[in-house]
Amino acid sequence: MYLLEDVVTFATKKHEGQFRKYTDNVPYITHPLAVADLVAEHYRLHDEVAPTDVLAAAILHDVVEDTDCAIEEIEQLFGKTVALYVWYLTKPNPVIGKEAVKAIYDHQLATAPVQAKIIKFFDIKHNYENLDQVDPKWFEQKRAGLYDRLKVMKLEFIGGLLENNIPFYRKMRGL
């Protein structure tokens, strides 16, 4: 068994020296921690407590993709469920080509457990909220692709997710 404090410590060490895109000195770890907060808030809105494994995966969602960490290390330290969620949230190695990465990643997200889809939704939302303020042109260039990614996940079947985030979802749709 692990504590969320252990997850935060691990992710902070792995992301050490990384900074958010388009920022001067905002440590990268602020993003996964904010995603975990958004996920926790989603569960609170439904009078539920976010499962520890879901919060752990939210904190770790970029560790495999952006650091030297392997999914096996996540499984060893934090268990199979956390590793599974993180795997669904990790893009394939770009060496296979951009189109192959997109196709494989879209399939991963389409078939992901609801918990991983919730994390991905709030990952996209947090990126939007931050990067749209800093670089609106970047967001507008990426908006259609991000909306396609949201559509692939069939989020309308996750109770309350879209209803509680209507302004964000409308903006992603270009409305």
Protein backbone atom coordinates (compact mmCIF):
# COMPACT_ATOMS: atom_id res chain seq x y z
CA MET A 1 0.00 0.00 0.00
CA TYR A 2 1.15 3.53 -0.68
CA LEU A 3 0.18 7.01 0.40
CA LEU A 4 -0.63 9.85 -1.98
CA GLU A 5 2.25 11.71 -0.34
CA ASP A 6 4.57 9.01 -1.73
CA VAL A 7 3.08 9.51 -5.20
CA VAL A 8 3.59 13.28 -5.02
CA THR A 9 7.20 12.83 -3.86
CA PHE A 10 7.91 10.33 -6.65
CA ALA A 11 6.32 12.49 -9.38
CA THR A 12 8.06 15.63 -8.10
CA LYS A 13 11.45 13.91 -8.28
CA LYS A 14 10.75 12.53 -11.76
CA HIS A 15 9.63 15.93 -13.09
CA GLU A 16 12.47 17.79 -11.37
CA GLY A 17 13.95 20.43 -13.66
CA GLN A 18 10.93 20.39 -16.00
CA PHE A 19 8.78 23.48 -16.50
CA ARG A 20 5.35 24.12 -18.00
CA LYS A 21 5.37 25.11 -21.66
CA TYR A 22 5.17 28.82 -22.34
CA THR A 23 6.03 29.73 -18.76
CA ASP A 24 9.20 31.17 -17.34
CA ASN A 25 9.64 29.16 -14.18
CA VAL A 26 6.48 27.24 -13.32
CA PRO A 27 7.57 23.75 -12.24
CA TYR A 28 5.92 21.03 -14.32
CA ILE A 29 4.66 19.17 -11.25
CA THR A 30 2.07 21.91 -10.78
CA HIS A 31 0.17 20.51 -13.77
CA PRO A 32 -0.36 16.91 -12.59
CA LEU A 33 -1.19 18.16 -9.09
CA ALA A 34 -3.79 20.54 -10.55
CA VAL A 35 -5.25 17.71 -12.65
CA ALA A 36 -5.56 15.59 -9.50
CA ASP A 37 -7.36 18.49 -7.76
CA LEU A 38 -9.80 18.81 -10.69
CA VAL A 39 -10.44 15.05 -10.61
CA ALA A 40 -11.06 15.17 -6.85
CA GLU A 41 -13.47 18.07 -7.33
CA HIS A 42 -15.37 16.11 -9.99
CA TYR A 43 -15.91 13.28 -7.52
CA ARG A 44 -16.91 15.74 -4.75
CA LEU A 45 -19.59 17.21 -7.02
CA HIS A 46 -21.11 13.72 -7.09
CA ASP A 47 -20.83 13.28 -3.32
CA GLU A 48 -18.07 10.76 -3.75
CA VAL A 49 -14.49 10.55 -2.60
CA ALA A 50 -12.03 10.13 -5.45
CA PRO A 51 -10.37 6.72 -5.23
CA THR A 52 -6.73 6.87 -4.22
CA ASP A 53 -5.71 4.93 -7.35
CA VAL A 54 -7.41 7.53 -9.56
CA LEU A 55 -5.72 10.44 -7.80
CA ALA A 56 -2.37 8.64 -7.95
CA ALA A 57 -2.77 8.08 -11.70
CA ALA A 58 -3.72 11.74 -12.18
CA ILE A 59 -0.52 12.80 -10.42
CA LEU A 60 1.53 10.28 -12.42
CA HIS A 61 -0.22 10.71 -15.79
CA ASP A 62 2.81 12.29 -17.53
CA VAL A 63 5.64 10.53 -15.70
CA VAL A 64 6.13 7.69 -18.22
CA GLU A 65 5.70 9.93 -21.26
CA ASP A 66 7.93 12.79 -20.08
CA THR A 67 10.62 11.19 -17.90
CA ASP A 68 12.84 8.12 -17.71
CA CYS A 69 10.19 6.21 -15.74
CA ALA A 70 8.84 2.94 -17.11
CA ILE A 71 5.29 1.69 -16.60
CA GLU A 72 6.76 -1.32 -14.78
CA GLU A 73 8.18 1.01 -12.13
CA ILE A 74 4.74 2.56 -11.62
CA GLU A 75 3.24 -0.93 -11.21
CA GLN A 76 5.93 -2.02 -8.78
CA LEU A 77 5.58 1.07 -6.60
CA PHE A 78 1.88 1.87 -6.85
CA GLY A 79 0.12 -1.24 -8.13
CA LYS A 80 -1.49 -2.63 -11.26
CA THR A 81 -4.53 -0.36 -11.27
CA VAL A 82 -2.50 2.85 -11.14
CA ALA A 83 -0.13 1.49 -13.79
CA LEU A 84 -3.07 0.55 -16.02
CA TYR A 85 -4.59 4.04 -15.81
CA VAL A 86 -1.19 5.64 -16.50
CA TRP A 87 -0.65 3.31 -19.47
CA TYR A 88 -3.95 4.41 -21.03
CA LEU A 89 -2.87 8.05 -20.54
CA THR A 90 0.61 7.64 -22.03
CA LYS A 91 1.15 8.33 -25.72
CA PRO A 92 3.11 5.69 -27.63
CA ASN A 93 6.74 6.32 -28.49
CA PRO A 94 6.90 8.93 -31.28
CA VAL A 95 9.48 6.86 -33.16
CA ILE A 96 6.57 5.01 -34.82
CA GLY A 97 5.41 8.18 -36.60
CA LYS A 98 2.89 10.92 -35.89
CA GLU A 99 -0.12 9.27 -37.57
CA ALA A 100 0.53 5.91 -35.90
CA VAL A 101 0.87 7.60 -32.51
CA LYS A 102 -2.45 9.41 -33.02
CA ALA A 103 -4.28 6.26 -34.10
CA ILE A 104 -2.91 4.13 -31.27
CA TYR A 105 -3.45 6.81 -28.64
CA ASP A 106 -7.01 7.50 -29.81
CA HIS A 107 -7.70 3.76 -29.54
CA GLN A 108 -6.18 3.66 -26.04
CA LEU A 109 -8.40 6.54 -24.92
CA ALA A 110 -11.52 5.14 -26.62
CA THR A 111 -11.10 1.83 -24.78
CA ALA A 112 -9.81 3.29 -21.50
CA PRO A 113 -11.63 2.76 -18.22
CA VAL A 114 -13.90 5.62 -17.17
CA GLN A 115 -11.40 6.66 -14.48
CA ALA A 116 -8.64 7.22 -17.05
CA LYS A 117 -11.04 9.16 -19.29
CA ILE A 118 -11.92 11.45 -16.38
CA ILE A 119 -8.22 12.11 -15.78
CA LYS A 120 -7.63 12.82 -19.49
CA PHE A 121 -10.58 15.21 -19.63
CA PHE A 122 -9.16 17.25 -16.76
CA ASP A 123 -5.64 17.04 -18.20
CA ILE A 124 -6.93 18.66 -21.39
CA LYS A 125 -9.02 21.15 -19.43
CA HIS A 126 -6.11 22.25 -17.24
CA ASN A 127 -3.83 22.60 -20.25
CA TYR A 128 -6.48 24.68 -21.98
CA GLU A 129 -7.10 26.93 -18.98
CA ASN A 130 -3.41 27.64 -18.57
CA LEU A 131 -2.14 27.75 -22.12
CA ASP A 132 -5.10 29.64 -23.58
CA GLN A 133 -4.25 32.51 -21.23
CA VAL A 134 -0.56 32.44 -22.15
CA ASP A 135 -0.79 31.64 -25.86
CA PRO A 136 -4.33 31.85 -27.36
CA LYS A 137 -2.95 31.18 -30.86
CA TRP A 138 -1.49 27.85 -29.70
CA PHE A 139 -4.83 26.87 -28.24
CA GLU A 140 -6.76 27.77 -31.36
CA GLN A 141 -4.33 25.72 -33.51
CA LYS A 142 -4.79 22.71 -31.20
CA ARG A 143 -8.49 23.11 -30.36
CA ALA A 144 -9.94 20.93 -33.14
CA GLY A 145 -7.52 18.09 -32.44
CA LEU A 146 -8.21 18.25 -28.71
CA TYR A 147 -11.95 18.25 -29.34
CA ASP A 148 -11.54 15.17 -31.56
CA ARG A 149 -9.69 13.49 -28.68
CA LEU A 150 -12.56 14.34 -26.32
CA LYS A 151 -15.09 12.90 -28.83
CA VAL A 152 -13.13 9.65 -29.11
CA MET A 153 -13.54 9.10 -25.36
CA LYS A 154 -17.38 9.28 -25.56
CA LEU A 155 -17.50 11.49 -22.49
CA GLU A 156 -21.25 12.00 -22.74
CA PHE A 157 -21.62 8.61 -21.04
CA ILE A 158 -19.73 9.71 -17.93
CA GLY A 159 -22.35 11.20 -15.65
CA GLY A 160 -21.93 14.87 -14.85
CA LEU A 161 -18.59 15.32 -16.57
CA LEU A 162 -19.78 17.44 -19.47
CA GLU A 163 -22.74 18.97 -17.66
CA ASN A 164 -20.46 20.41 -14.99
CA ASN A 165 -17.98 21.75 -17.57
CA ILE A 166 -20.24 23.24 -20.24
CA PRO A 167 -18.29 26.50 -20.90
CA PHE A 168 -15.06 24.56 -21.43
CA TYR A 169 -16.69 21.93 -23.62
CA ARG A 170 -18.46 24.57 -25.75
CA LYS A 171 -15.16 26.40 -26.27
CA MET A 172 -13.51 23.13 -27.32
CA ARG A 173 -16.29 22.63 -29.87
CA GLY A 174 -15.60 26.11 -31.24
CA LEU A 175 -18.93 27.56 -30.12
